[in-house]
Protein backbone atom coordinates (compact mmCIF):
# COMPACT_ATOMS: atom_id res chain seq x y z
CA MET A 1 73.38 10.86 -57.99
CA LYS A 2 71.62 8.70 -61.27
CA LEU A 3 71.65 5.37 -58.98
CA TYR A 4 69.91 6.90 -56.46
CA LYS A 5 66.71 8.47 -58.95
CA LEU A 6 66.47 5.34 -60.20
CA ILE A 7 66.63 3.60 -56.74
CA ILE A 8 63.84 6.72 -55.26
CA LEU A 9 61.65 6.06 -58.44
CA SER A 10 61.82 1.86 -58.03
CA ILE A 11 60.09 2.54 -54.18
CA PHE A 12 57.24 4.92 -56.22
CA VAL A 13 56.38 2.55 -59.25
CA ILE A 14 56.82 -0.40 -56.56
CA SER A 15 54.64 1.55 -54.13
CA THR A 16 51.79 2.52 -56.41
CA LEU A 17 51.48 -0.92 -58.12
CA VAL A 18 51.33 -2.30 -54.22
CA ALA A 19 48.72 0.14 -53.22
CA ASN A 20 46.97 -0.40 -56.31
CA ASP A 21 46.87 -3.78 -56.32
CA GLN A 22 44.88 -3.47 -52.51
CA LYS A 23 42.56 -1.47 -54.07
CA VAL A 24 41.44 -4.12 -56.41
CA ASP A 25 41.21 -6.50 -54.01
CA ASP A 26 39.30 -4.30 -51.62
CA GLU A 27 37.15 -3.33 -54.45
CA ILE A 28 36.68 -6.99 -55.07
CA TYR A 29 35.60 -8.05 -51.61
CA ASP A 30 33.19 -4.94 -50.98
CA GLU A 31 30.47 -7.01 -51.05
CA PRO A 32 26.98 -6.28 -49.47
CA ILE A 33 26.69 -5.79 -46.33
CA ASN A 34 23.45 -7.81 -44.54
CA SER A 35 21.35 -8.37 -46.97
CA VAL A 36 19.02 -11.80 -47.27
CA ASP A 37 17.57 -13.54 -50.76
CA CYS A 38 15.47 -16.55 -51.37
CA ILE A 39 15.12 -18.32 -55.15
CA ILE A 40 12.29 -20.52 -55.64
CA LEU A 41 13.17 -23.11 -57.90
CA LYS A 42 10.78 -25.43 -59.31
CA ASP A 43 12.50 -27.56 -61.22
CA GLU A 44 14.43 -28.72 -58.36
CA ASN A 45 11.46 -28.07 -56.17
CA SER A 46 14.20 -26.51 -53.53
CA ILE A 47 13.60 -22.84 -51.91
CA ILE A 48 17.49 -21.69 -51.58
CA CYS A 49 17.50 -18.69 -48.78
CA LYS A 50 21.10 -17.26 -48.45
CA TYR A 51 22.33 -14.46 -45.99
CA ILE A 52 25.33 -12.42 -46.86
CA HIS A 53 26.82 -10.34 -44.06
CA LYS A 54 30.32 -8.62 -44.09
CA ARG A 55 32.90 -11.15 -43.56
CA SER A 56 34.67 -11.81 -40.46
CA ASP A 57 37.98 -13.20 -38.74
CA GLU A 58 36.12 -14.99 -36.28
CA ASP A 59 33.23 -17.66 -36.23
CA LYS A 60 29.85 -16.47 -35.40
CA TYR A 61 25.93 -17.91 -35.20
CA VAL A 62 22.82 -15.84 -36.46
CA GLU A 63 19.42 -17.62 -36.21
CA PHE A 64 17.18 -19.09 -39.23
CA SER A 65 13.19 -18.62 -39.07
CA TRP A 66 11.23 -20.16 -41.93
CA ILE A 67 7.81 -18.53 -41.08
CA ASP A 68 4.78 -19.90 -43.62
CA PRO A 69 1.62 -17.55 -44.40
CA ILE A 70 -0.29 -17.68 -41.43
CA GLY A 71 2.97 -16.80 -39.39
CA VAL A 72 3.64 -19.83 -37.53
CA VAL A 73 7.40 -20.68 -37.57
CA SER A 74 7.80 -24.24 -39.48
CA ARG A 75 11.55 -23.73 -38.84
CA GLU A 76 14.05 -22.07 -36.50
CA ARG A 77 17.89 -23.70 -37.28
CA THR A 78 21.04 -22.00 -35.59
CA MET A 79 23.32 -21.76 -38.11
CA LEU A 80 26.94 -21.67 -37.58
CA ILE A 81 29.00 -18.96 -40.27
CA PRO A 82 32.79 -19.38 -40.14
CA ALA A 83 35.53 -17.26 -40.01
CA GLY A 84 35.94 -15.38 -43.25
CA HIS A 85 32.66 -16.54 -45.13
CA GLY A 86 30.71 -13.66 -46.29
CA SER A 87 27.25 -15.95 -46.56
CA ILE A 88 25.60 -18.92 -45.77
CA TYR A 89 22.63 -20.96 -47.32
CA ASP A 90 19.68 -23.17 -46.21
CA TYR A 91 17.19 -24.50 -48.37
CA ARG A 92 13.61 -26.27 -48.25
CA PHE A 93 12.12 -28.60 -50.72
CA ILE A 94 8.31 -26.55 -51.76
CA ASN A 95 6.48 -29.78 -51.81
CA GLY A 96 5.04 -29.98 -48.51
CA ARG A 97 4.89 -26.64 -48.05
CA VAL A 98 1.89 -24.05 -47.71
CA SER A 99 0.68 -22.06 -50.61
CA GLY A 100 1.02 -18.30 -49.97
CA LYS A 101 3.25 -15.69 -49.04
CA TRP A 102 6.63 -16.52 -46.64
CA THR A 103 9.09 -14.82 -44.57
CA PHE A 104 12.44 -15.86 -43.87
CA LYS A 105 14.02 -14.17 -41.37
CA VAL A 106 17.77 -14.06 -39.70
CA GLN A 107 18.67 -13.14 -36.63
CA ASP A 108 22.70 -12.16 -36.63
CA ASN A 109 23.30 -10.13 -33.22
CA ASN A 110 20.52 -7.61 -31.69
CA GLN A 111 19.91 -6.67 -35.59
CA THR A 112 17.04 -8.75 -38.39
CA TYR A 113 17.06 -9.08 -41.47
CA GLN A 114 13.85 -10.37 -44.16
CA THR A 115 12.85 -11.33 -46.99
CA ASN A 116 9.40 -12.82 -48.44
CA PHE A 117 8.52 -15.44 -51.06
CA ILE A 118 5.70 -17.24 -52.27
CA ILE A 119 4.70 -20.63 -52.89
CA GLU A 120 2.16 -20.74 -55.62
């Protein structure tokens, strides 16, 4: 009878530890879903834009658009997000860009996400 209780207690402790470990893994991967952001690095002459999405078991394509201050699309790119990846980046050099408020837009299936940044 004592051995039976020890086995039951061991199973309970192990299952609790496994469940807790799964909760920690879920929290680690609990990332923002579908957001876009850009950062300007003047010292590196770069604009870096990042799209974060929910990780998928399949590859998927998204469309990136860089829209200048007068509304002209200066670049469109179709980007592959490999299976298991949670984000993708694109960048441009600052030099040669028109000053003003730019828009970086991502088309992901039927959803559009965008952000704005200012080049001075």
